[in-house]
PDB file of N, CA and C in Angstrom:
ATOM      1  N   MET A   1     -31.141 -11.893 -25.003  1.00  0.00           N
ATOM      2  CA  MET A   1     -31.910 -10.963 -25.885  1.00  0.00           C
ATOM      3  C   MET A   1     -31.255 -10.482 -27.205  1.00  0.00           C
ATOM      4  N   ALA A   2     -31.940 -10.709 -28.298  1.00  0.00           N
ATOM      5  CA  ALA A   2     -31.154 -10.336 -29.609  1.00  0.00           C
ATOM      6  C   ALA A   2     -31.159  -8.834 -29.886  1.00  0.00           C
ATOM      7  N   SER A   3     -30.164  -8.307 -30.345  1.00  0.00           N
ATOM      8  CA  SER A   3     -30.093  -6.914 -30.608  1.00  0.00           C
ATOM      9  C   SER A   3     -30.318  -6.707 -32.053  1.00  0.00           C
ATOM     10  N   VAL A   4     -31.039  -5.765 -32.375  1.00  0.00           N
ATOM     11  CA  VAL A   4     -31.302  -5.295 -33.792  1.00  0.00           C
ATOM     12  C   VAL A   4     -30.279  -4.094 -34.160  1.00  0.00           C
ATOM     13  N   ASN A   5     -29.676  -4.464 -35.402  1.00  0.00           N
ATOM     14  CA  ASN A   5     -28.750  -3.547 -36.003  1.00  0.00           C
ATOM     15  C   ASN A   5     -29.434  -2.510 -36.869  1.00  0.00           C
ATOM     16  N   PRO A   6     -29.368  -1.146 -36.658  1.00  0.00           N
ATOM     17  CA  PRO A   6     -29.969  -0.416 -37.709  1.00  0.00           C
ATOM     18  C   PRO A   6     -29.411  -0.347 -39.016  1.00  0.00           C
ATOM     19  N   PRO A   7     -30.197  -0.171 -39.960  1.00  0.00           N
ATOM     20  CA  PRO A   7     -29.566  -0.126 -41.270  1.00  0.00           C
ATOM     21  C   PRO A   7     -28.422   0.807 -41.507  1.00  0.00           C
ATOM     22  N   ARG A   8     -27.520   0.561 -42.357  1.00  0.00           N
ATOM     23  CA  ARG A   8     -26.434   1.432 -42.566  1.00  0.00           C
ATOM     24  C   ARG A   8     -26.799   2.887 -42.912  1.00  0.00           C
ATOM     25  N   TRP A   9     -27.791   3.060 -43.553  1.00  0.00           N
ATOM     26  CA  TRP A   9     -28.353   4.426 -44.142  1.00  0.00           C
ATOM     27  C   TRP A   9     -28.923   5.299 -43.179  1.00  0.00           C
ATOM     28  N   LEU A  10     -29.263   4.613 -42.147  1.00  0.00           N
ATOM     29  CA  LEU A  10     -30.109   5.367 -41.183  1.00  0.00           C
ATOM     30  C   LEU A  10     -29.373   6.575 -40.347  1.00  0.00           C
ATOM     31  N   ALA A  11     -28.180   6.443 -40.065  1.00  0.00           N
ATOM     32  CA  ALA A  11     -27.344   7.370 -39.323  1.00  0.00           C
ATOM     33  C   ALA A  11     -27.020   8.557 -40.415  1.00  0.00           C
ATOM     34  N   PRO A  12     -26.632   8.224 -41.511  1.00  0.00           N
ATOM     35  CA  PRO A  12     -26.389   9.393 -42.499  1.00  0.00           C
ATOM     36  C   PRO A  12     -27.844  10.164 -42.838  1.00  0.00           C
ATOM     37  N   LEU A  13     -28.884   9.336 -42.823  1.00  0.00           N
ATOM     38  CA  LEU A  13     -30.163   9.970 -43.183  1.00  0.00           C
ATOM     39  C   LEU A  13     -30.521  11.072 -41.894  1.00  0.00           C
ATOM     40  N   VAL A  14     -30.453  10.542 -40.749  1.00  0.00           N
ATOM     41  CA  VAL A  14     -30.726  11.363 -39.512  1.00  0.00           C
ATOM     42  C   VAL A  14     -29.732  12.683 -39.696  1.00  0.00           C
ATOM     43  N   ALA A  15     -28.586  12.256 -39.793  1.00  0.00           N
ATOM     44  CA  ALA A  15     -27.500  13.393 -39.767  1.00  0.00           C
ATOM     45  C   ALA A  15     -27.783  14.498 -40.857  1.00  0.00           C
ATOM     46  N   SER A  16     -28.263  14.063 -42.016  1.00  0.00           N
ATOM     47  CA  SER A  16     -28.544  15.087 -43.086  1.00  0.00           C
ATOM     48  C   SER A  16     -29.832  15.750 -42.827  1.00  0.00           C
ATOM     49  N   ALA A  17     -30.792  15.050 -42.136  1.00  0.00           N
ATOM     50  CA  ALA A  17     -31.872  15.879 -41.732  1.00  0.00           C
ATOM     51  C   ALA A  17     -31.695  16.911 -40.794  1.00  0.00           C
ATOM     52  N   VAL A  18     -30.807  16.518 -39.837  1.00  0.00           N
ATOM     53  CA  VAL A  18     -30.433  17.503 -38.874  1.00  0.00           C
ATOM     54  C   VAL A  18     -29.775  18.806 -39.306  1.00  0.00           C
ATOM     55  N   LEU A  19     -28.766  18.374 -40.463  1.00  0.00           N
ATOM     56  CA  LEU A  19     -28.054  19.456 -41.122  1.00  0.00           C
ATOM     57  C   LEU A  19     -29.220  20.374 -42.021  1.00  0.00           C
ATOM     58  N   VAL A  20     -30.150  19.724 -42.552  1.00  0.00           N
ATOM     59  CA  VAL A  20     -31.160  20.567 -43.342  1.00  0.00           C
ATOM     60  C   VAL A  20     -31.758  21.338 -42.353  1.00  0.00           C
ATOM     61  N   GLY A  21     -32.209  20.949 -41.056  1.00  0.00           N
ATOM     62  CA  GLY A  21     -32.860  21.691 -40.102  1.00  0.00           C
ATOM     63  C   GLY A  21     -31.980  22.988 -39.806  1.00  0.00           C
ATOM     64  N   TRP A  22     -30.774  22.743 -39.578  1.00  0.00           N
ATOM     65  CA  TRP A  22     -29.994  23.892 -39.171  1.00  0.00           C
ATOM     66  C   TRP A  22     -29.701  24.733 -40.285  1.00  0.00           C
ATOM     67  N   LEU A  23     -29.736  24.178 -41.553  1.00  0.00           N
ATOM     68  CA  LEU A  23     -29.640  25.200 -42.614  1.00  0.00           C
ATOM     69  C   LEU A  23     -30.912  26.053 -42.964  1.00  0.00           C
ATOM     70  N   GLU A  24     -32.062  25.356 -42.518  1.00  0.00           N
ATOM     71  CA  GLU A  24     -33.240  26.160 -42.470  1.00  0.00           C
ATOM     72  C   GLU A  24     -33.212  27.247 -41.434  1.00  0.00           C
ATOM     73  N   VAL A  25     -32.739  26.905 -40.340  1.00  0.00           N
ATOM     74  CA  VAL A  25     -32.578  27.905 -39.115  1.00  0.00           C
ATOM     75  C   VAL A  25     -31.636  29.124 -39.777  1.00  0.00           C
ATOM     76  N   THR A  26     -30.555  28.860 -40.287  1.00  0.00           N
ATOM     77  CA  THR A  26     -29.686  29.870 -40.855  1.00  0.00           C
ATOM     78  C   THR A  26     -30.392  30.694 -41.879  1.00  0.00           C
ATOM     79  N   ALA A  27     -31.150  30.029 -42.844  1.00  0.00           N
ATOM     80  CA  ALA A  27     -31.941  30.711 -44.008  1.00  0.00           C
ATOM     81  C   ALA A  27     -32.955  31.648 -43.153  1.00  0.00           C
ATOM     82  N   ASP A  28     -33.570  31.255 -42.202  1.00  0.00           N
ATOM     83  CA  ASP A  28     -34.548  31.989 -41.417  1.00  0.00           C
ATOM     84  C   ASP A  28     -34.137  33.180 -40.732  1.00  0.00           C
ATOM     85  N   ALA A  29     -32.826  32.961 -40.140  1.00  0.00           N
ATOM     86  CA  ALA A  29     -32.100  33.923 -39.465  1.00  0.00           C
ATOM     87  C   ALA A  29     -31.800  34.890 -40.478  1.00  0.00           C
ATOM     88  N   LEU A  30     -31.190  34.763 -41.553  1.00  0.00           N
ATOM     89  CA  LEU A  30     -30.761  35.688 -42.415  1.00  0.00           C
ATOM     90  C   LEU A  30     -31.932  36.353 -43.113  1.00  0.00           C
ATOM     91  N   HIS A  31     -33.126  35.889 -43.200  1.00  0.00           N
ATOM     92  CA  HIS A  31     -34.303  36.520 -43.762  1.00  0.00           C
ATOM     93  C   HIS A  31     -34.738  37.500 -42.608  1.00  0.00           C
ATOM     94  N   ARG A  32     -34.653  37.098 -41.485  1.00  0.00           N
ATOM     95  CA  ARG A  32     -35.340  37.977 -40.336  1.00  0.00           C
ATOM     96  C   ARG A  32     -34.421  39.110 -39.812  1.00  0.00           C
ATOM     97  N   THR A  33     -33.114  39.165 -40.352  1.00  0.00           N
ATOM     98  CA  THR A  33     -32.185  40.054 -39.727  1.00  0.00           C
ATOM     99  C   THR A  33     -32.649  41.481 -39.771  1.00  0.00           C
ATOM    100  N   SER A  34     -33.611  41.873 -40.617  1.00  0.00           N
ATOM    101  CA  SER A  34     -33.957  43.153 -40.883  1.00  0.00           C
ATOM    102  C   SER A  34     -35.346  43.556 -40.056  1.00  0.00           C
ATOM    103  N   TRP A  35     -35.997  42.351 -39.529  1.00  0.00           N
ATOM    104  CA  TRP A  35     -37.145  42.653 -38.858  1.00  0.00           C
ATOM    105  C   TRP A  35     -36.905  43.284 -37.416  1.00  0.00           C
ATOM    106  N   GLU A  36     -37.723  44.185 -37.155  1.00  0.00           N
ATOM    107  CA  GLU A  36     -37.454  44.913 -35.829  1.00  0.00           C
ATOM    108  C   GLU A  36     -38.444  44.168 -34.841  1.00  0.00           C
ATOM    109  N   GLY A  37     -38.123  44.240 -33.677  1.00  0.00           N
ATOM    110  CA  GLY A  37     -39.007  43.628 -32.646  1.00  0.00           C
ATOM    111  C   GLY A  37     -39.067  42.081 -32.515  1.00  0.00           C
ATOM    112  N   VAL A  38     -38.106  41.539 -33.183  1.00  0.00           N
ATOM    113  CA  VAL A  38     -38.042  39.896 -33.113  1.00  0.00           C
ATOM    114  C   VAL A  38     -36.936  39.681 -32.344  1.00  0.00           C
ATOM    115  N   PRO A  39     -37.244  38.955 -31.022  1.00  0.00           N
ATOM    116  CA  PRO A  39     -36.299  38.677 -29.984  1.00  0.00           C
ATOM    117  C   PRO A  39     -35.495  37.634 -30.653  1.00  0.00           C
ATOM    118  N   ARG A  40     -34.189  37.710 -31.121  1.00  0.00           N
ATOM    119  CA  ARG A  40     -33.423  37.004 -31.945  1.00  0.00           C
ATOM    120  C   ARG A  40     -33.098  35.724 -31.185  1.00  0.00           C
ATOM    121  N   ALA A  41     -32.617  35.837 -30.052  1.00  0.00           N
ATOM    122  CA  ALA A  41     -32.136  34.739 -29.286  1.00  0.00           C
ATOM    123  C   ALA A  41     -33.278  33.715 -29.078  1.00  0.00           C
ATOM    124  N   THR A  42     -34.470  34.146 -28.559  1.00  0.00           N
ATOM    125  CA  THR A  42     -35.533  33.355 -28.273  1.00  0.00           C
ATOM    126  C   THR A  42     -36.015  32.652 -29.645  1.00  0.00           C
ATOM    127  N   HIS A  43     -36.133  33.422 -30.748  1.00  0.00           N
ATOM    128  CA  HIS A  43     -36.600  32.973 -31.962  1.00  0.00           C
ATOM    129  C   HIS A  43     -35.650  31.823 -32.462  1.00  0.00           C
ATOM    130  N   ALA A  44     -34.215  32.160 -32.371  1.00  0.00           N
ATOM    131  CA  ALA A  44     -33.119  31.226 -32.857  1.00  0.00           C
ATOM    132  C   ALA A  44     -33.344  29.853 -32.224  1.00  0.00           C
ATOM    133  N   LEU A  45     -33.608  29.973 -30.798  1.00  0.00           N
ATOM    134  CA  LEU A  45     -33.543  28.735 -30.103  1.00  0.00           C
ATOM    135  C   LEU A  45     -34.869  27.812 -30.467  1.00  0.00           C
ATOM    136  N   ALA A  46     -35.972  28.592 -30.535  1.00  0.00           N
ATOM    137  CA  ALA A  46     -37.309  28.023 -30.969  1.00  0.00           C
ATOM    138  C   ALA A  46     -37.072  27.461 -32.486  1.00  0.00           C
ATOM    139  N   ALA A  47     -36.366  28.110 -33.341  1.00  0.00           N
ATOM    140  CA  ALA A  47     -36.174  27.592 -34.774  1.00  0.00           C
ATOM    141  C   ALA A  47     -35.308  26.334 -34.733  1.00  0.00           C
ATOM    142  N   VAL A  48     -34.189  26.338 -33.922  1.00  0.00           N
ATOM    143  CA  VAL A  48     -33.274  25.242 -33.894  1.00  0.00           C
ATOM    144  C   VAL A  48     -33.996  24.079 -33.450  1.00  0.00           C
ATOM    145  N   VAL A  49     -34.932  24.233 -32.380  1.00  0.00           N
ATOM    146  CA  VAL A  49     -35.624  22.977 -31.815  1.00  0.00           C
ATOM    147  C   VAL A  49     -36.642  22.499 -32.780  1.00  0.00           C
ATOM    148  N   LEU A  50     -37.472  23.585 -33.335  1.00  0.00           N
ATOM    149  CA  LEU A  50     -38.478  23.017 -34.446  1.00  0.00           C
ATOM    150  C   LEU A  50     -37.992  22.506 -35.633  1.00  0.00           C
ATOM    151  N   PHE A  51     -37.018  23.206 -36.252  1.00  0.00           N
ATOM    152  CA  PHE A  51     -36.464  22.639 -37.594  1.00  0.00           C
ATOM    153  C   PHE A  51     -35.650  21.359 -37.372  1.00  0.00           C
ATOM    154  N   THR A  52     -34.862  21.198 -36.200  1.00  0.00           N
ATOM    155  CA  THR A  52     -34.099  20.073 -35.917  1.00  0.00           C
ATOM    156  C   THR A  52     -35.081  18.806 -35.560  1.00  0.00           C
ATOM    157  N   SER A  53     -36.172  19.109 -34.881  1.00  0.00           N
ATOM    158  CA  SER A  53     -37.081  18.128 -34.594  1.00  0.00           C
ATOM    159  C   SER A  53     -38.033  17.608 -35.724  1.00  0.00           C
ATOM    160  N   MET A  54     -38.234  18.699 -36.725  1.00  0.00           N
ATOM    161  CA  MET A  54     -38.997  18.167 -37.950  1.00  0.00           C
ATOM    162  C   MET A  54     -38.105  17.413 -38.796  1.00  0.00           C
ATOM    163  N   GLY A  55     -36.756  17.730 -38.965  1.00  0.00           N
ATOM    164  CA  GLY A  55     -35.951  17.025 -39.682  1.00  0.00           C
ATOM    165  C   GLY A  55     -35.643  15.611 -39.446  1.00  0.00           C
ATOM    166  N   VAL A  56     -35.490  15.377 -38.075  1.00  0.00           N
ATOM    167  CA  VAL A  56     -35.393  14.114 -37.431  1.00  0.00           C
ATOM    168  C   VAL A  56     -36.771  13.389 -37.683  1.00  0.00           C
ATOM    169  N   LEU A  57     -38.018  13.874 -37.264  1.00  0.00           N
ATOM    170  CA  LEU A  57     -39.136  13.032 -37.545  1.00  0.00           C
ATOM    171  C   LEU A  57     -39.360  12.650 -38.956  1.00  0.00           C
ATOM    172  N   THR A  58     -38.987  13.806 -39.883  1.00  0.00           N
ATOM    173  CA  THR A  58     -39.093  13.494 -41.372  1.00  0.00           C
ATOM    174  C   THR A  58     -38.224  12.303 -41.691  1.00  0.00           C
ATOM    175  N   ALA A  59     -37.074  12.276 -41.283  1.00  0.00           N
ATOM    176  CA  ALA A  59     -36.047  11.144 -41.426  1.00  0.00           C
ATOM    177  C   ALA A  59     -36.572   9.928 -40.930  1.00  0.00           C
ATOM    178  N   LEU A  60     -37.027   9.823 -39.737  1.00  0.00           N
ATOM    179  CA  LEU A  60     -37.645   8.510 -39.130  1.00  0.00           C
ATOM    180  C   LEU A  60     -38.878   8.056 -39.887  1.00  0.00           C
ATOM    181  N   ALA A  61     -39.674   9.145 -40.333  1.00  0.00           N
ATOM    182  CA  ALA A  61     -40.826   8.586 -41.269  1.00  0.00           C
ATOM    183  C   ALA A  61     -40.489   7.984 -42.410  1.00  0.00           C
ATOM    184  N   TRP A  62     -39.417   8.658 -43.238  1.00  0.00           N
ATOM    185  CA  TRP A  62     -38.914   8.020 -44.471  1.00  0.00           C
ATOM    186  C   TRP A  62     -38.306   6.708 -44.110  1.00  0.00           C
ATOM    187  N   ALA A  63     -37.518   6.585 -42.930  1.00  0.00           N
ATOM    188  CA  ALA A  63     -37.029   5.293 -42.732  1.00  0.00           C
ATOM    189  C   ALA A  63     -38.070   4.171 -42.483  1.00  0.00           C
ATOM    190  N   LEU A  64     -39.251   4.666 -41.894  1.00  0.00           N
ATOM    191  CA  LEU A  64     -40.216   3.680 -41.734  1.00  0.00           C
ATOM    192  C   LEU A  64     -40.958   3.287 -42.978  1.00  0.00           C
ATOM    193  N   VAL A  65     -41.287   4.219 -43.944  1.00  0.00           N
ATOM    194  CA  VAL A  65     -41.567   4.038 -45.147  1.00  0.00           C
ATOM    195  C   VAL A  65     -40.572   2.994 -46.158  1.00  0.00           C
ATOM    196  N   VAL A  66     -39.476   3.292 -45.990  1.00  0.00           N
ATOM    197  CA  VAL A  66     -38.345   2.419 -46.598  1.00  0.00           C
ATOM    198  C   VAL A  66     -38.417   0.914 -46.068  1.00  0.00           C
ATOM    199  N   ALA A  67     -38.452   0.909 -44.708  1.00  0.00           N
ATOM    200  CA  ALA A  67     -38.416  -0.480 -44.111  1.00  0.00           C
ATOM    201  C   ALA A  67     -39.750  -1.121 -44.466  1.00  0.00           C
ATOM    202  N   GLY A  68     -40.843  -0.516 -44.416  1.00  0.00           N
ATOM    203  CA  GLY A  68     -42.007  -1.069 -44.833  1.00  0.00           C
ATOM    204  C   GLY A  68     -42.234  -1.591 -46.270  1.00  0.00           C
ATOM    205  N   TYR A  69     -41.462  -0.691 -47.189  1.00  0.00           N
ATOM    206  CA  TYR A  69     -41.562  -1.135 -48.453  1.00  0.00           C
ATOM    207  C   TYR A  69     -40.534  -2.337 -48.715  1.00  0.00           C
ATOM    208  N   GLN A  70     -39.383  -2.262 -47.992  1.00  0.00           N
ATOM    209  CA  GLN A  70     -38.312  -3.379 -48.150  1.00  0.00           C
ATOM    210  C   GLN A  70     -39.177  -4.916 -47.565  1.00  0.00           C
ATOM    211  N   ALA A  71     -39.946  -4.698 -46.595  1.00  0.00           N
ATOM    212  CA  ALA A  71     -40.652  -5.718 -45.921  1.00  0.00           C
ATOM    213  C   ALA A  71     -41.640  -6.230 -47.058  1.00  0.00           C
ATOM    214  N   LEU A  72     -42.261  -5.480 -47.792  1.00  0.00           N
ATOM    215  CA  LEU A  72     -43.292  -5.751 -48.790  1.00  0.00           C
ATOM    216  C   LEU A  72     -42.571  -6.454 -49.908  1.00  0.00           C
ATOM    217  N   GLU A  73     -41.584  -5.768 -50.391  1.00  0.00           N
ATOM    218  CA  GLU A  73     -40.780  -6.381 -51.603  1.00  0.00           C
ATOM    219  C   GLU A  73     -40.164  -7.861 -51.152  1.00  0.00           C
ATOM    220  N   ARG A  74     -39.730  -7.988 -49.948  1.00  0.00           N
ATOM    221  CA  ARG A  74     -39.295  -9.478 -49.526  1.00  0.00           C
ATOM    222  C   ARG A  74     -40.319 -10.428 -49.720  1.00  0.00           C
ATOM    223  N   ARG A  75     -41.422  -9.978 -49.178  1.00  0.00           N
ATOM    224  CA  ARG A  75     -42.727 -10.777 -49.178  1.00  0.00           C
ATOM    225  C   ARG A  75     -43.226 -11.195 -50.401  1.00  0.00           C
ATOM    226  N   LEU A  76     -43.267 -10.330 -51.125  1.00  0.00           N
ATOM    227  CA  LEU A  76     -43.738 -10.539 -52.707  1.00  0.00           C
ATOM    228  C   LEU A  76     -42.878 -11.107 -53.583  1.00  0.00           C
ATOM    229  N   THR A  77     -41.428 -10.958 -53.274  1.00  0.00           N
ATOM    230  CA  THR A  77     -40.675 -11.761 -54.038  1.00  0.00           C
ATOM    231  C   THR A  77     -40.432 -13.210 -53.693  1.00  0.00           C
ATOM    232  N   ARG A  78     -40.745 -13.383 -52.295  1.00  0.00           N
ATOM    233  CA  ARG A  78     -40.788 -14.832 -51.952  1.00  0.00           C
ATOM    234  C   ARG A  78     -42.060 -15.448 -52.466  1.00  0.00           C
ATOM    235  N   ARG A  79     -42.943 -14.753 -52.504  1.00  0.00           N
ATOM    236  CA  ARG A  79     -44.203 -15.449 -53.070  1.00  0.00           C
ATOM    237  C   ARG A  79     -44.382 -15.505 -54.468  1.00  0.00           C
ATOM    238  N   PHE A  80     -43.992 -14.492 -55.257  1.00  0.00           N
ATOM    239  CA  PHE A  80     -44.022 -14.506 -56.650  1.00  0.00           C
ATOM    240  C   PHE A  80     -42.649 -14.405 -57.169  1.00  0.00           C
ATOM    241  N   GLY A  81     -41.761 -15.005 -56.932  1.00  0.00           N
ATOM    242  CA  GLY A  81     -40.209 -14.849 -57.277  1.00  0.00           C
ATOM    243  C   GLY A  81     -39.912 -14.323 -58.596  1.00  0.00           C
ATOM    244  N   ALA A  82     -40.612 -14.813 -59.690  1.00  0.00           N
ATOM    245  CA  ALA A  82     -40.092 -14.189 -61.079  1.00  0.00           C
ATOM    246  C   ALA A  82     -40.870 -12.657 -61.290  1.00  0.00           C
ATOM    247  N   ALA A  83     -41.875 -12.397 -60.543  1.00  0.00           N
ATOM    248  CA  ALA A  83     -42.383 -11.132 -60.858  1.00  0.00           C
ATOM    249  C   ALA A  83     -41.859 -10.095 -59.994  1.00  0.00           C
ATOM    250  N   ARG A  84     -40.654  -9.581 -60.211  1.00  0.00           N
ATOM    251  CA  ARG A  84     -39.898  -8.568 -59.499  1.00  0.00           C
ATOM    252  C   ARG A  84     -40.456  -7.314 -59.595  1.00  0.00           C
ATOM    253  N   TRP A  85     -41.314  -7.009 -60.686  1.00  0.00           N
ATOM    254  CA  TRP A  85     -41.907  -5.669 -60.994  1.00  0.00           C
ATOM    255  C   TRP A  85     -43.119  -5.526 -60.076  1.00  0.00           C
ATOM    256  N   LEU A  86     -43.553  -6.647 -59.529  1.00  0.00           N
ATOM    257  CA  LEU A  86     -44.798  -6.511 -58.544  1.00  0.00           C
ATOM    258  C   LEU A  86     -44.580  -5.630 -57.452  1.00  0.00           C
ATOM    259  N   ALA A  87     -43.360  -5.606 -56.837  1.00  0.00           N
ATOM    260  CA  ALA A  87     -43.195  -5.068 -55.643  1.00  0.00           C
ATOM    261  C   ALA A  87     -43.286  -3.433 -55.839  1.00  0.00           C
ATOM    262  N   PRO A  88     -42.580  -2.806 -56.852  1.00  0.00           N
ATOM    263  CA  PRO A  88     -42.685  -1.468 -56.988  1.00  0.00           C
ATOM    264  C   PRO A  88     -44.157  -0.967 -57.582  1.00  0.00           C
ATOM    265  N   LEU A  89     -44.786  -1.899 -58.240  1.00  0.00           N
ATOM    266  CA  LEU A  89     -46.265  -1.617 -58.476  1.00  0.00           C
ATOM    267  C   LEU A  89     -47.068  -1.455 -57.312  1.00  0.00           C
ATOM    268  N   VAL A  90     -47.051  -2.522 -56.451  1.00  0.00           N
ATOM    269  CA  VAL A  90     -47.679  -2.607 -55.205  1.00  0.00           C
ATOM    270  C   VAL A  90     -47.438  -1.354 -54.305  1.00  0.00           C
ATOM    271  N   GLY A  91     -46.064  -1.031 -54.183  1.00  0.00           N
ATOM    272  CA  GLY A  91     -45.726   0.019 -53.397  1.00  0.00           C
ATOM    273  C   GLY A  91     -46.170   1.315 -53.951  1.00  0.00           C
ATOM    274  N   ALA A  92     -46.256   1.565 -55.301  1.00  0.00           N
ATOM    275  CA  ALA A  92     -46.684   2.778 -55.692  1.00  0.00           C
ATOM    276  C   ALA A  92     -48.208   2.879 -55.496  1.00  0.00           C
ATOM    277  N   LEU A  93     -48.955   1.824 -55.622  1.00  0.00           N
ATOM    278  CA  LEU A  93     -50.332   1.787 -55.486  1.00  0.00           C
ATOM    279  C   LEU A  93     -50.694   2.007 -54.074  1.00  0.00           C
ATOM    280  N   LEU A  94     -49.883   1.530 -53.084  1.00  0.00           N
ATOM    281  CA  LEU A  94     -50.153   1.822 -51.671  1.00  0.00           C
ATOM    282  C   LEU A  94     -49.859   3.376 -51.486  1.00  0.00           C
ATOM    283  N   ALA A  95     -48.750   3.845 -52.003  1.00  0.00           N
ATOM    284  CA  ALA A  95     -48.479   5.136 -51.835  1.00  0.00           C
ATOM    285  C   ALA A  95     -49.613   6.087 -52.317  1.00  0.00           C
ATOM    286  N   VAL A  96     -50.224   5.781 -53.554  1.00  0.00           N
ATOM    287  CA  VAL A  96     -51.259   6.625 -54.023  1.00  0.00           C
ATOM    288  C   VAL A  96     -52.414   6.477 -53.184  1.00  0.00           C
ATOM    289  N   ALA A  97     -52.878   5.369 -52.602  1.00  0.00           N
ATOM    290  CA  ALA A  97     -53.868   5.232 -51.770  1.00  0.00           C
ATOM    291  C   ALA A  97     -53.786   5.840 -50.511  1.00  0.00           C
ATOM    292  N   CYS A  98     -52.659   5.956 -49.990  1.00  0.00           N
ATOM    293  CA  CYS A  98     -52.365   6.776 -48.842  1.00  0.00           C
ATOM    294  C   CYS A  98     -52.419   8.149 -48.911  1.00  0.00           C
ATOM    295  N   THR A  99     -52.073   8.755 -50.078  1.00  0.00           N
ATOM    296  CA  THR A  99     -51.992  10.150 -50.226  1.00  0.00           C
ATOM    297  C   THR A  99     -53.061  10.788 -51.093  1.00  0.00           C
ATOM    298  N   ALA A 100     -53.867  10.049 -51.893  1.00  0.00           N
ATOM    299  CA  ALA A 100     -54.822  10.577 -52.645  1.00  0.00           C
ATOM    300  C   ALA A 100     -55.759  11.488 -52.015  1.00  0.00           C
ATOM    301  N   SER A 101     -56.398  11.198 -50.872  1.00  0.00           N
ATOM    302  CA  SER A 101     -57.389  12.142 -50.387  1.00  0.00           C
ATOM    303  C   SER A 101     -56.826  13.439 -50.015  1.00  0.00           C
ATOM    304  N   THR A 102     -55.454  13.470 -49.686  1.00  0.00           N
ATOM    305  CA  THR A 102     -54.844  14.848 -49.302  1.00  0.00           C
ATOM    306  C   THR A 102     -54.608  15.688 -50.470  1.00  0.00           C
ATOM    307  N   ALA A 103     -54.209  14.769 -51.753  1.00  0.00           N
ATOM    308  CA  ALA A 103     -54.066  15.501 -53.028  1.00  0.00           C
ATOM    309  C   ALA A 103     -55.445  16.083 -53.515  1.00  0.00           C
ATOM    310  N   PHE A 104     -56.404  15.339 -53.401  1.00  0.00           N
ATOM    311  CA  PHE A 104     -57.764  15.808 -53.816  1.00  0.00           C
ATOM    312  C   PHE A 104     -58.183  17.109 -53.042  1.00  0.00           C
ATOM    313  N   TRP A 105     -57.959  16.826 -51.678  1.00  0.00           N
ATOM    314  CA  TRP A 105     -58.416  18.089 -50.852  1.00  0.00           C
ATOM    315  C   TRP A 105     -57.680  19.414 -51.322  1.00  0.00           C
ATOM    316  N   THR A 106     -56.147  19.280 -51.336  1.00  0.00           N
ATOM    317  CA  THR A 106     -55.396  20.344 -51.649  1.00  0.00           C
ATOM    318  C   THR A 106     -55.518  21.113 -52.972  1.00  0.00           C
ATOM    319  N   PHE A 107     -55.852  20.158 -53.966  1.00  0.00           N
ATOM    320  CA  PHE A 107     -56.126  20.790 -55.274  1.00  0.00           C
ATOM    321  C   PHE A 107     -57.654  20.929 -55.718  1.00  0.00           C
ATOM    322  N   SER A 108     -58.416  21.045 -54.721  1.00  0.00           N
ATOM    323  CA  SER A 108     -59.762  21.212 -55.174  1.00  0.00           C
ATOM    324  C   SER A 108     -60.212  22.555 -54.788  1.00  0.00           C
ATOM    325  N   GLY A 109     -61.301  22.974 -55.675  1.00  0.00           N
ATOM    326  CA  GLY A 109     -61.988  24.295 -55.350  1.00  0.00           C
ATOM    327  C   GLY A 109     -61.233  25.479 -54.994  1.00  0.00           C
ATOM    328  N   GLU A 110     -61.521  26.119 -53.986  1.00  0.00           N
ATOM    329  CA  GLU A 110     -60.999  27.257 -53.603  1.00  0.00           C
ATOM    330  C   GLU A 110     -59.612  27.206 -53.029  1.00  0.00           C
ATOM    331  N   ARG A 111     -59.191  26.173 -52.631  1.00  0.00           N
ATOM    332  CA  ARG A 111     -57.854  25.950 -52.036  1.00  0.00           C
ATOM    333  C   ARG A 111     -56.757  25.998 -52.989  1.00  0.00           C
ATOM    334  N   ILE A 112     -57.074  25.771 -54.351  1.00  0.00           N
ATOM    335  CA  ILE A 112     -56.075  25.729 -55.393  1.00  0.00           C
ATOM    336  C   ILE A 112     -55.502  27.098 -55.733  1.00  0.00           C
ATOM    337  N   ARG A 113     -56.091  28.023 -55.294  1.00  0.00           N
ATOM    338  CA  ARG A 113     -55.605  29.303 -55.481  1.00  0.00           C
ATOM    339  C   ARG A 113     -54.486  29.627 -54.287  1.00  0.00           C
TER     340      ARG A 113
END
């Protein structure tokens, strides 16, 4: 069975995402120090789990987007060798197609306020 080596940038990406999650926990804890009635230990544990999980999930989603883009770039470069500009253009168009509805919903009507 062949093993798949992860890209070199994946481990630092996940580590930085976890670090960002922990820094968010620190910022949250510093902000909430003056709040009365907040169970600090329970809140800190929940914040660590939430922010660390979101950091890792964001890093993995980013890694999937990068891997997909690299696959698209390889395929387009093989097919249209001289047109290296085609891969970034197609990648940008795919990104716009995937996010346009969210942008239109977010910035329309009453939600803009």
